[in-house]
């Protein structure tokens, strides 16, 4: 059997929530076109209320779309809903685990719900992979928040789906547990599992994802390889260490300045309009003596803010 080029394909996807007595009609998704390549780690980013969770809930079968087409692993969610849902494992934002079950029991129940034969279940393997082997027979209510989060990942993988969707998986998880979780996720991806990730930790998306879509107000405002997305921003920063520390940055005509620690400051400029030489000339004209400078490329947060702010301004 040929594998699909796209793990998930959405075309013209819309979702409108009907008006109620207390809320007006809301268009959560406004014609989403999105192709998520098989084998990728795909970042789905956007501010709160952008439509990310609605999109994921449609994939999971929890929300009915208003119009458009969606296929998961080449299975149309209308024509083959059960087959489509069997191809994904979803780790939701909310921790949903029975506090009176043990992690082992939780995974066994989840595997049973997916009709995984007992001989094919990977309960102990999943518990070990996610650092829960020593807590396999403890009650879920005794686990820390980070352990519960990892248990949710294990539950999503009991039926060995080719696609894993992680909705804010590291919210409330400490740095070490986050590192362990990402190590496992990267290993899953190496084995061929497509990962779809939503996160507010933009540095995680920048480090992990090979392709990123940014959603704002129910629309895809960008969907590109991570490196291409970052390269779209023509903003560069010059980090300036003055000879004498400054309590506030100098005001430079045509440039935005920002105070940094230790009396230093940064100057932002657009490469299409200005140059480093012009920045340095403006600093000297302001009477600031320069001890050291460094240049800095934009990060994903710069791109995110730029693109989403444009959408909000146009609304």
C-alpha atoms as a PDB file:
ATOM      1  CA  UNK A   1       0.000   0.000   0.000  1.00  0.00           C
ATOM      2  CA  UNK A   2       1.336   3.414  -0.998  1.00  0.00           C
ATOM      3  CA  UNK A   3       1.729   5.883   1.830  1.00  0.00           C
ATOM      4  CA  UNK A   4       0.060   9.295   1.411  1.00  0.00           C
ATOM      5  CA  UNK A   5       2.159  12.363   0.674  1.00  0.00           C
ATOM      6  CA  UNK A   6       0.188  14.312   3.277  1.00  0.00           C
ATOM      7  CA  UNK A   7      -0.655  12.969   6.708  1.00  0.00           C
ATOM      8  CA  UNK A   8      -3.479  15.524   6.982  1.00  0.00           C
ATOM      9  CA  UNK A   9      -5.078  17.540   4.192  1.00  0.00           C
ATOM     10  CA  UNK A  10      -7.702  20.243   4.787  1.00  0.00           C
ATOM     11  CA  UNK A  11      -9.339  22.152   1.935  1.00  0.00           C
ATOM     12  CA  UNK A  12     -11.730  25.051   2.399  1.00  0.00           C
ATOM     13  CA  UNK A  13     -12.387  24.027   6.000  1.00  0.00           C
ATOM     14  CA  UNK A  14     -14.851  26.265   7.850  1.00  0.00           C
ATOM     15  CA  UNK A  15     -16.528  26.162  11.226  1.00  0.00           C
ATOM     16  CA  UNK A  16     -19.225  28.569  12.346  1.00  0.00           C
ATOM     17  CA  UNK A  17     -20.710  28.367  15.812  1.00  0.00           C
ATOM     18  CA  UNK A  18     -24.345  29.408  15.818  1.00  0.00           C
ATOM     19  CA  UNK A  19     -25.501  32.366  17.863  1.00  0.00           C
ATOM     20  CA  UNK A  20     -27.012  31.726  21.277  1.00  0.00           C
ATOM     21  CA  UNK A  21     -28.955  33.929  23.665  1.00  0.00           C
ATOM     22  CA  UNK A  22     -25.700  35.157  25.188  1.00  0.00           C
ATOM     23  CA  UNK A  23     -23.194  34.968  22.314  1.00  0.00           C
ATOM     24  CA  UNK A  24     -23.236  36.110  18.681  1.00  0.00           C
ATOM     25  CA  UNK A  25     -22.470  33.825  15.747  1.00  0.00           C
ATOM     26  CA  UNK A  26     -18.740  33.076  15.590  1.00  0.00           C
ATOM     27  CA  UNK A  27     -16.701  32.004  12.572  1.00  0.00           C
ATOM     28  CA  UNK A  28     -13.908  29.997  14.158  1.00  0.00           C
ATOM     29  CA  UNK A  29     -12.396  28.763  10.869  1.00  0.00           C
ATOM     30  CA  UNK A  30     -12.651  30.735   7.631  1.00  0.00           C
ATOM     31  CA  UNK A  31     -11.670  28.443   4.773  1.00  0.00           C
ATOM     32  CA  UNK A  32      -8.544  26.721   6.075  1.00  0.00           C
ATOM     33  CA  UNK A  33      -6.293  25.136   3.437  1.00  0.00           C
ATOM     34  CA  UNK A  34      -3.572  23.102   5.097  1.00  0.00           C
ATOM     35  CA  UNK A  35      -1.360  20.242   3.948  1.00  0.00           C
ATOM     36  CA  UNK A  36       0.679  18.527   6.666  1.00  0.00           C
ATOM     37  CA  UNK A  37       3.410  16.396   5.044  1.00  0.00           C
ATOM     38  CA  UNK A  38       3.826  12.786   6.114  1.00  0.00           C
ATOM     39  CA  UNK A  39       6.832  12.303   8.399  1.00  0.00           C
ATOM     40  CA  UNK A  40       7.146  15.948   9.411  1.00  0.00           C
ATOM     41  CA  UNK A  41       7.138  17.677  12.778  1.00  0.00           C
ATOM     42  CA  UNK A  42       4.562  20.321  11.968  1.00  0.00           C
ATOM     43  CA  UNK A  43       3.974  23.357  14.166  1.00  0.00           C
ATOM     44  CA  UNK A  44       0.505  24.895  14.358  1.00  0.00           C
ATOM     45  CA  UNK A  45       0.861  28.268  16.054  1.00  0.00           C
ATOM     46  CA  UNK A  46      -1.422  31.171  16.774  1.00  0.00           C
ATOM     47  CA  UNK A  47      -2.801  33.351  19.569  1.00  0.00           C
ATOM     48  CA  UNK A  48      -5.583  32.146  21.868  1.00  0.00           C
ATOM     49  CA  UNK A  49      -8.860  31.992  19.961  1.00  0.00           C
ATOM     50  CA  UNK A  50      -7.123  31.707  16.572  1.00  0.00           C
ATOM     51  CA  UNK A  51      -8.887  28.415  15.726  1.00  0.00           C
ATOM     52  CA  UNK A  52      -6.166  25.865  16.506  1.00  0.00           C
ATOM     53  CA  UNK A  53      -8.203  23.845  19.006  1.00  0.00           C
ATOM     54  CA  UNK A  54     -11.265  23.920  16.732  1.00  0.00           C
ATOM     55  CA  UNK A  55      -9.145  22.488  13.926  1.00  0.00           C
ATOM     56  CA  UNK A  56      -7.779  19.737  16.166  1.00  0.00           C
ATOM     57  CA  UNK A  57     -11.237  18.919  17.548  1.00  0.00           C
ATOM     58  CA  UNK A  58     -12.570  18.518  14.014  1.00  0.00           C
ATOM     59  CA  UNK A  59      -9.765  16.055  13.278  1.00  0.00           C
ATOM     60  CA  UNK A  60     -10.557  14.164  16.482  1.00  0.00           C
ATOM     61  CA  UNK A  61     -14.275  13.993  15.675  1.00  0.00           C
ATOM     62  CA  UNK A  62     -15.268  16.146  18.643  1.00  0.00           C
ATOM     63  CA  UNK A  63     -16.523  19.073  16.541  1.00  0.00           C
ATOM     64  CA  UNK A  64     -18.472  18.963  13.260  1.00  0.00           C
ATOM     65  CA  UNK A  65     -17.111  21.115  10.484  1.00  0.00           C
ATOM     66  CA  UNK A  66     -19.452  23.525   8.723  1.00  0.00           C
ATOM     67  CA  UNK A  67     -17.999  22.983   5.248  1.00  0.00           C
ATOM     68  CA  UNK A  68     -14.874  21.911   3.402  1.00  0.00           C
ATOM     69  CA  UNK A  69     -13.013  18.631   3.146  1.00  0.00           C
ATOM     70  CA  UNK A  70     -10.569  16.941   5.515  1.00  0.00           C
ATOM     71  CA  UNK A  71      -8.663  13.705   5.056  1.00  0.00           C
ATOM     72  CA  UNK A  72      -6.445  11.999   7.618  1.00  0.00           C
ATOM     73  CA  UNK A  73      -3.966   9.497   6.195  1.00  0.00           C
ATOM     74  CA  UNK A  74      -5.954   9.587   2.921  1.00  0.00           C
ATOM     75  CA  UNK A  75      -9.190   8.774   4.767  1.00  0.00           C
ATOM     76  CA  UNK A  76     -11.988  11.310   4.356  1.00  0.00           C
ATOM     77  CA  UNK A  77     -13.430  12.156   7.776  1.00  0.00           C
ATOM     78  CA  UNK A  78     -16.982  12.160   6.360  1.00  0.00           C
ATOM     79  CA  UNK A  79     -16.783   8.977   4.272  1.00  0.00           C
ATOM     80  CA  UNK A  80     -14.560   6.977   6.684  1.00  0.00           C
ATOM     81  CA  UNK A  81     -14.801   8.664  10.096  1.00  0.00           C
ATOM     82  CA  UNK A  82     -13.703   5.678  12.213  1.00  0.00           C
ATOM     83  CA  UNK A  83     -10.746   4.849   9.968  1.00  0.00           C
ATOM     84  CA  UNK A  84      -9.694   8.491   9.904  1.00  0.00           C
ATOM     85  CA  UNK A  85      -9.764   8.830  13.696  1.00  0.00           C
ATOM     86  CA  UNK A  86      -7.866   5.548  14.105  1.00  0.00           C
ATOM     87  CA  UNK A  87      -4.949   7.144  12.242  1.00  0.00           C
ATOM     88  CA  UNK A  88      -4.389   9.827  14.884  1.00  0.00           C
ATOM     89  CA  UNK A  89      -3.563   9.983  18.546  1.00  0.00           C
ATOM     90  CA  UNK A  90      -4.502  13.247  20.227  1.00  0.00           C
ATOM     91  CA  UNK A  91      -2.943  14.605  23.411  1.00  0.00           C
ATOM     92  CA  UNK A  92      -5.380  17.336  24.541  1.00  0.00           C
ATOM     93  CA  UNK A  93      -4.534  20.387  26.617  1.00  0.00           C
ATOM     94  CA  UNK A  94      -6.654  19.141  29.512  1.00  0.00           C
ATOM     95  CA  UNK A  95      -5.408  16.175  31.527  1.00  0.00           C
ATOM     96  CA  UNK A  96      -8.108  13.502  31.299  1.00  0.00           C
ATOM     97  CA  UNK A  97      -7.198  10.383  33.248  1.00  0.00           C
ATOM     98  CA  UNK A  98      -9.202   8.441  35.828  1.00  0.00           C
ATOM     99  CA  UNK A  99      -7.546   9.200  39.195  1.00  0.00           C
ATOM    100  CA  UNK A 100      -8.517   5.768  40.565  1.00  0.00           C
ATOM    101  CA  UNK A 101      -6.779   3.836  37.779  1.00  0.00           C
ATOM    102  CA  UNK A 102      -3.081   3.075  37.633  1.00  0.00           C
ATOM    103  CA  UNK A 103      -1.098   4.142  34.555  1.00  0.00           C
ATOM    104  CA  UNK A 104      -0.973   0.489  33.459  1.00  0.00           C
ATOM    105  CA  UNK A 105      -4.745   0.150  33.800  1.00  0.00           C
ATOM    106  CA  UNK A 106      -5.280   3.459  31.972  1.00  0.00           C
ATOM    107  CA  UNK A 107      -3.272   2.248  28.980  1.00  0.00           C
ATOM    108  CA  UNK A 108      -4.951  -1.155  28.955  1.00  0.00           C
ATOM    109  CA  UNK A 109      -8.406   0.446  28.952  1.00  0.00           C
ATOM    110  CA  UNK A 110      -7.389   2.846  26.168  1.00  0.00           C
ATOM    111  CA  UNK A 111      -5.989  -0.032  24.102  1.00  0.00           C
ATOM    112  CA  UNK A 112      -9.219  -1.958  24.613  1.00  0.00           C
ATOM    113  CA  UNK A 113     -11.233   0.993  23.343  1.00  0.00           C
ATOM    114  CA  UNK A 114      -9.205   0.882  20.130  1.00  0.00           C
ATOM    115  CA  UNK A 115      -9.697  -2.911  19.928  1.00  0.00           C
ATOM    116  CA  UNK A 116      -5.958  -3.577  20.133  1.00  0.00           C
ATOM    117  CA  UNK A 117      -5.499  -7.348  20.711  1.00  0.00           C
ATOM    118  CA  UNK A 118      -3.830  -8.161  24.044  1.00  0.00           C
ATOM    119  CA  UNK A 119      -0.908  -9.827  22.290  1.00  0.00           C
ATOM    120  CA  UNK A 120      -0.198  -6.580  20.388  1.00  0.00           C
ATOM    121  CA  UNK A 121      -0.450  -4.136  23.282  1.00  0.00           C
ATOM    122  CA  UNK A 122       2.652  -2.115  24.174  1.00  0.00           C
ATOM    123  CA  UNK A 123       1.715  -0.993  27.670  1.00  0.00           C
ATOM    124  CA  UNK A 124       5.044  -1.671  29.376  1.00  0.00           C
ATOM    125  CA  UNK A 125       7.015  -0.363  26.388  1.00  0.00           C
ATOM    126  CA  UNK A 126       5.109   2.938  26.432  1.00  0.00           C
ATOM    127  CA  UNK A 127       5.387   3.335  30.200  1.00  0.00           C
ATOM    128  CA  UNK A 128       9.139   2.777  30.038  1.00  0.00           C
ATOM    129  CA  UNK A 129       9.609   5.103  27.057  1.00  0.00           C
ATOM    130  CA  UNK A 130       7.869   7.942  28.891  1.00  0.00           C
ATOM    131  CA  UNK A 131       9.624   7.409  32.216  1.00  0.00           C
ATOM    132  CA  UNK A 132       6.582   5.965  33.998  1.00  0.00           C
ATOM    133  CA  UNK A 133       7.715   2.357  34.521  1.00  0.00           C
ATOM    134  CA  UNK A 134       8.298   2.871  38.250  1.00  0.00           C
ATOM    135  CA  UNK A 135       4.813   4.406  38.595  1.00  0.00           C
ATOM    136  CA  UNK A 136       3.018   1.760  36.532  1.00  0.00           C
ATOM    137  CA  UNK A 137       0.990   0.473  39.498  1.00  0.00           C
ATOM    138  CA  UNK A 138       0.540   3.721  41.431  1.00  0.00           C
ATOM    139  CA  UNK A 139      -2.786   5.518  41.272  1.00  0.00           C
ATOM    140  CA  UNK A 140      -2.959   8.291  38.688  1.00  0.00           C
ATOM    141  CA  UNK A 141      -4.022  10.712  41.432  1.00  0.00           C
ATOM    142  CA  UNK A 142      -0.589  10.197  43.024  1.00  0.00           C
ATOM    143  CA  UNK A 143       1.291  11.323  39.908  1.00  0.00           C
ATOM    144  CA  UNK A 144       2.738  14.797  39.448  1.00  0.00           C
ATOM    145  CA  UNK A 145       1.369  17.081  36.742  1.00  0.00           C
ATOM    146  CA  UNK A 146       4.293  16.305  34.466  1.00  0.00           C
ATOM    147  CA  UNK A 147       3.821  12.558  34.874  1.00  0.00           C
ATOM    148  CA  UNK A 148       0.104  12.871  34.094  1.00  0.00           C
ATOM    149  CA  UNK A 149       0.995  14.808  30.965  1.00  0.00           C
ATOM    150  CA  UNK A 150       3.346  12.017  29.848  1.00  0.00           C
ATOM    151  CA  UNK A 151       0.648   9.453  30.607  1.00  0.00           C
ATOM    152  CA  UNK A 152      -1.618  11.348  28.193  1.00  0.00           C
ATOM    153  CA  UNK A 153       1.021  10.940  25.480  1.00  0.00           C
ATOM    154  CA  UNK A 154       1.244   7.216  26.199  1.00  0.00           C
ATOM    155  CA  UNK A 155      -2.567   6.883  25.988  1.00  0.00           C
ATOM    156  CA  UNK A 156      -2.555   8.608  22.606  1.00  0.00           C
ATOM    157  CA  UNK A 157      -0.034   6.072  21.284  1.00  0.00           C
ATOM    158  CA  UNK A 158      -1.653   2.801  22.455  1.00  0.00           C
ATOM    159  CA  UNK A 159      -3.024   2.008  18.974  1.00  0.00           C
ATOM    160  CA  UNK A 160       0.257   2.909  17.252  1.00  0.00           C
ATOM    161  CA  UNK A 161      -1.196   5.692  15.076  1.00  0.00           C
ATOM    162  CA  UNK A 162       0.878   7.158  12.224  1.00  0.00           C
ATOM    163  CA  UNK A 163      -0.015  10.697  13.377  1.00  0.00           C
ATOM    164  CA  UNK A 164       0.371  12.174  16.872  1.00  0.00           C
ATOM    165  CA  UNK A 165      -1.256  15.525  17.669  1.00  0.00           C
ATOM    166  CA  UNK A 166       0.118  17.355  20.700  1.00  0.00           C
ATOM    167  CA  UNK A 167      -2.005  20.276  21.888  1.00  0.00           C
ATOM    168  CA  UNK A 168       0.127  22.359  24.290  1.00  0.00           C
ATOM    169  CA  UNK A 169       1.822  19.206  25.650  1.00  0.00           C
ATOM    170  CA  UNK A 170       4.389  20.943  27.849  1.00  0.00           C
ATOM    171  CA  UNK A 171       2.083  23.407  29.598  1.00  0.00           C
ATOM    172  CA  UNK A 172       2.953  23.268  33.295  1.00  0.00           C
ATOM    173  CA  UNK A 173       5.793  20.792  32.762  1.00  0.00           C
ATOM    174  CA  UNK A 174       9.212  21.566  34.216  1.00  0.00           C
ATOM    175  CA  UNK A 175      12.293  21.899  32.025  1.00  0.00           C
ATOM    176  CA  UNK A 176      13.674  18.405  32.656  1.00  0.00           C
ATOM    177  CA  UNK A 177      10.377  16.640  31.998  1.00  0.00           C
ATOM    178  CA  UNK A 178       9.904  18.771  28.890  1.00  0.00           C
ATOM    179  CA  UNK A 179      13.292  17.654  27.633  1.00  0.00           C
ATOM    180  CA  UNK A 180      12.409  13.991  28.218  1.00  0.00           C
ATOM    181  CA  UNK A 181       9.085  14.388  26.432  1.00  0.00           C
ATOM    182  CA  UNK A 182      10.651  16.013  23.395  1.00  0.00           C
ATOM    183  CA  UNK A 183      13.328  13.339  23.272  1.00  0.00           C
ATOM    184  CA  UNK A 184      10.599  10.698  22.987  1.00  0.00           C
ATOM    185  CA  UNK A 185       8.633  12.735  20.434  1.00  0.00           C
ATOM    186  CA  UNK A 186      11.726  13.179  18.237  1.00  0.00           C
ATOM    187  CA  UNK A 187      12.389   9.438  18.452  1.00  0.00           C
ATOM    188  CA  UNK A 188       8.797   8.732  17.379  1.00  0.00           C
ATOM    189  CA  UNK A 189       9.286  11.033  14.420  1.00  0.00           C
ATOM    190  CA  UNK A 190      12.478   9.190  13.459  1.00  0.00           C
ATOM    191  CA  UNK A 191      10.385   6.018  13.346  1.00  0.00           C
ATOM    192  CA  UNK A 192       8.046   7.665  10.853  1.00  0.00           C
ATOM    193  CA  UNK A 193       5.317   9.132  13.064  1.00  0.00           C
ATOM    194  CA  UNK A 194       4.042  12.516  11.863  1.00  0.00           C
ATOM    195  CA  UNK A 195       3.912  14.995  14.736  1.00  0.00           C
ATOM    196  CA  UNK A 196       1.520  17.963  14.824  1.00  0.00           C
ATOM    197  CA  UNK A 197       2.348  20.379  17.622  1.00  0.00           C
ATOM    198  CA  UNK A 198       0.655  23.425  19.069  1.00  0.00           C
ATOM    199  CA  UNK A 199       2.648  25.316  21.670  1.00  0.00           C
ATOM    200  CA  UNK A 200       3.051  28.745  23.231  1.00  0.00           C
ATOM    201  CA  UNK A 201       6.764  28.054  23.688  1.00  0.00           C
ATOM    202  CA  UNK A 202       7.919  29.503  20.400  1.00  0.00           C
ATOM    203  CA  UNK A 203      11.521  28.461  20.957  1.00  0.00           C
ATOM    204  CA  UNK A 204      10.327  24.832  21.062  1.00  0.00           C
ATOM    205  CA  UNK A 205       8.585  25.168  17.714  1.00  0.00           C
ATOM    206  CA  UNK A 206      11.624  26.868  16.225  1.00  0.00           C
ATOM    207  CA  UNK A 207      13.930  24.088  17.417  1.00  0.00           C
ATOM    208  CA  UNK A 208      11.694  21.075  16.718  1.00  0.00           C
ATOM    209  CA  UNK A 209       9.469  21.839  13.738  1.00  0.00           C
ATOM    210  CA  UNK A 210      10.582  21.523  10.138  1.00  0.00           C
ATOM    211  CA  UNK A 211       7.421  23.265   8.920  1.00  0.00           C
ATOM    212  CA  UNK A 212       5.150  25.789  10.649  1.00  0.00           C
ATOM    213  CA  UNK A 213       1.689  27.190   9.980  1.00  0.00           C
ATOM    214  CA  UNK A 214       0.572  30.349  11.756  1.00  0.00           C
ATOM    215  CA  UNK A 215      -3.177  30.759  12.265  1.00  0.00           C
ATOM    216  CA  UNK A 216      -4.825  34.039  13.190  1.00  0.00           C
ATOM    217  CA  UNK A 217      -8.572  34.776  13.434  1.00  0.00           C
ATOM    218  CA  UNK A 218      -9.477  31.480  11.769  1.00  0.00           C
ATOM    219  CA  UNK A 219      -7.171  31.924   8.783  1.00  0.00           C
ATOM    220  CA  UNK A 220      -3.759  30.540   7.840  1.00  0.00           C
ATOM    221  CA  UNK A 221      -1.512  33.585   7.514  1.00  0.00           C
ATOM    222  CA  UNK A 222       1.664  31.593   6.808  1.00  0.00           C
ATOM    223  CA  UNK A 223       2.628  27.971   6.145  1.00  0.00           C
ATOM    224  CA  UNK A 224       6.241  27.382   5.217  1.00  0.00           C
ATOM    225  CA  UNK A 225       9.406  25.507   6.184  1.00  0.00           C
ATOM    226  CA  UNK A 226      10.682  26.986   9.442  1.00  0.00           C
ATOM    227  CA  UNK A 227      13.863  28.385   7.871  1.00  0.00           C
ATOM    228  CA  UNK A 228      11.870  30.046   5.055  1.00  0.00           C
ATOM    229  CA  UNK A 229       9.434  31.548   7.532  1.00  0.00           C
ATOM    230  CA  UNK A 230      12.245  33.066   9.561  1.00  0.00           C
ATOM    231  CA  UNK A 231      13.948  34.360   6.423  1.00  0.00           C
ATOM    232  CA  UNK A 232      10.776  36.264   5.457  1.00  0.00           C
ATOM    233  CA  UNK A 233      11.431  38.731   8.213  1.00  0.00           C
ATOM    234  CA  UNK A 234      13.778  41.465   7.030  1.00  0.00           C
ATOM    235  CA  UNK A 235      14.161  42.865  10.548  1.00  0.00           C
ATOM    236  CA  UNK A 236      17.612  42.648  12.088  1.00  0.00           C
ATOM    237  CA  UNK A 237      18.742  43.757  15.519  1.00  0.00           C
ATOM    238  CA  UNK A 238      22.023  45.453  16.382  1.00  0.00           C
ATOM    239  CA  UNK A 239      23.008  44.835  20.004  1.00  0.00           C
ATOM    240  CA  UNK A 240      25.068  47.761  21.257  1.00  0.00           C
ATOM    241  CA  UNK A 241      27.296  47.907  24.322  1.00  0.00           C
ATOM    242  CA  UNK A 242      28.111  51.591  24.908  1.00  0.00           C
ATOM    243  CA  UNK A 243      31.376  52.719  26.458  1.00  0.00           C
ATOM    244  CA  UNK A 244      29.357  54.020  29.407  1.00  0.00           C
ATOM    245  CA  UNK A 245      26.232  52.065  30.529  1.00  0.00           C
ATOM    246  CA  UNK A 246      22.970  53.879  29.728  1.00  0.00           C
ATOM    247  CA  UNK A 247      19.887  54.010  31.955  1.00  0.00           C
ATOM    248  CA  UNK A 248      17.655  54.294  28.871  1.00  0.00           C
ATOM    249  CA  UNK A 249      18.248  53.740  25.150  1.00  0.00           C
ATOM    250  CA  UNK A 250      18.928  56.728  22.887  1.00  0.00           C
ATOM    251  CA  UNK A 251      16.163  57.988  20.605  1.00  0.00           C
ATOM    252  CA  UNK A 252      17.252  57.409  17.016  1.00  0.00           C
ATOM    253  CA  UNK A 253      15.214  58.847  14.125  1.00  0.00           C
ATOM    254  CA  UNK A 254      13.892  56.058  11.910  1.00  0.00           C
ATOM    255  CA  UNK A 255      14.921  53.222  14.233  1.00  0.00           C
ATOM    256  CA  UNK A 256      13.336  51.399  17.165  1.00  0.00           C
ATOM    257  CA  UNK A 257      15.512  51.040  20.247  1.00  0.00           C
ATOM    258  CA  UNK A 258      15.106  48.840  23.315  1.00  0.00           C
ATOM    259  CA  UNK A 259      16.890  48.794  26.667  1.00  0.00           C
ATOM    260  CA  UNK A 260      18.965  45.694  27.510  1.00  0.00           C
ATOM    261  CA  UNK A 261      20.610  44.502  30.707  1.00  0.00           C
ATOM    262  CA  UNK A 262      23.816  46.103  31.904  1.00  0.00           C
ATOM    263  CA  UNK A 263      23.180  49.458  30.274  1.00  0.00           C
ATOM    264  CA  UNK A 264      23.256  48.068  26.720  1.00  0.00           C
ATOM    265  CA  UNK A 265      20.519  48.550  24.098  1.00  0.00           C
ATOM    266  CA  UNK A 266      19.326  47.119  20.810  1.00  0.00           C
ATOM    267  CA  UNK A 267      18.414  48.859  17.557  1.00  0.00           C
ATOM    268  CA  UNK A 268      16.020  47.268  15.066  1.00  0.00           C
ATOM    269  CA  UNK A 269      16.216  48.018  11.364  1.00  0.00           C
ATOM    270  CA  UNK A 270      14.845  46.652   8.087  1.00  0.00           C
ATOM    271  CA  UNK A 271      17.486  45.311   5.753  1.00  0.00           C
ATOM    272  CA  UNK A 272      15.557  46.555   2.716  1.00  0.00           C
ATOM    273  CA  UNK A 273      15.608  50.140   3.959  1.00  0.00           C
ATOM    274  CA  UNK A 274      18.708  50.579   6.108  1.00  0.00           C
ATOM    275  CA  UNK A 275      22.110  49.107   6.830  1.00  0.00           C
ATOM    276  CA  UNK A 276      24.285  48.476   9.877  1.00  0.00           C
ATOM    277  CA  UNK A 277      26.449  51.423   8.814  1.00  0.00           C
ATOM    278  CA  UNK A 278      23.423  53.744   8.936  1.00  0.00           C
ATOM    279  CA  UNK A 279      22.501  52.404  12.382  1.00  0.00           C
ATOM    280  CA  UNK A 280      26.017  53.042  13.676  1.00  0.00           C
ATOM    281  CA  UNK A 281      26.027  56.539  12.176  1.00  0.00           C
ATOM    282  CA  UNK A 282      22.730  57.338  13.937  1.00  0.00           C
ATOM    283  CA  UNK A 283      24.114  56.079  17.255  1.00  0.00           C
ATOM    284  CA  UNK A 284      27.254  58.219  16.948  1.00  0.00           C
ATOM    285  CA  UNK A 285      25.146  61.224  15.916  1.00  0.00           C
ATOM    286  CA  UNK A 286      23.211  60.774  19.173  1.00  0.00           C
ATOM    287  CA  UNK A 287      26.489  61.210  21.039  1.00  0.00           C
ATOM    288  CA  UNK A 288      26.837  57.562  22.145  1.00  0.00           C
ATOM    289  CA  UNK A 289      30.327  56.069  22.194  1.00  0.00           C
ATOM    290  CA  UNK A 290      30.292  52.397  21.168  1.00  0.00           C
ATOM    291  CA  UNK A 291      32.331  49.776  23.015  1.00  0.00           C
ATOM    292  CA  UNK A 292      31.023  46.676  21.193  1.00  0.00           C
ATOM    293  CA  UNK A 293      28.292  45.603  18.779  1.00  0.00           C
ATOM    294  CA  UNK A 294      26.712  42.333  17.644  1.00  0.00           C
ATOM    295  CA  UNK A 295      23.980  41.572  15.120  1.00  0.00           C
ATOM    296  CA  UNK A 296      21.035  39.262  15.763  1.00  0.00           C
ATOM    297  CA  UNK A 297      18.687  37.548  13.307  1.00  0.00           C
ATOM    298  CA  UNK A 298      14.940  37.452  14.034  1.00  0.00           C
ATOM    299  CA  UNK A 299      13.451  34.520  15.894  1.00  0.00           C
ATOM    300  CA  UNK A 300      10.073  32.866  15.488  1.00  0.00           C
ATOM    301  CA  UNK A 301       8.492  35.201  18.027  1.00  0.00           C
ATOM    302  CA  UNK A 302       9.330  38.166  15.787  1.00  0.00           C
ATOM    303  CA  UNK A 303       7.656  36.431  12.818  1.00  0.00           C
ATOM    304  CA  UNK A 304       4.644  35.390  14.897  1.00  0.00           C
ATOM    305  CA  UNK A 305       4.013  38.893  16.235  1.00  0.00           C
ATOM    306  CA  UNK A 306       4.505  40.478  12.814  1.00  0.00           C
ATOM    307  CA  UNK A 307       2.097  38.178  10.965  1.00  0.00           C
ATOM    308  CA  UNK A 308      -0.653  38.022  13.582  1.00  0.00           C
ATOM    309  CA  UNK A 309      -0.578  41.765  14.191  1.00  0.00           C
ATOM    310  CA  UNK A 310      -1.112  42.359  10.466  1.00  0.00           C
ATOM    311  CA  UNK A 311      -4.218  40.133  10.537  1.00  0.00           C
ATOM    312  CA  UNK A 312      -5.620  41.867  13.598  1.00  0.00           C
ATOM    313  CA  UNK A 313      -5.045  45.291  12.049  1.00  0.00           C
ATOM    314  CA  UNK A 314      -6.921  44.242   8.899  1.00  0.00           C
ATOM    315  CA  UNK A 315      -9.912  42.877  10.861  1.00  0.00           C
END
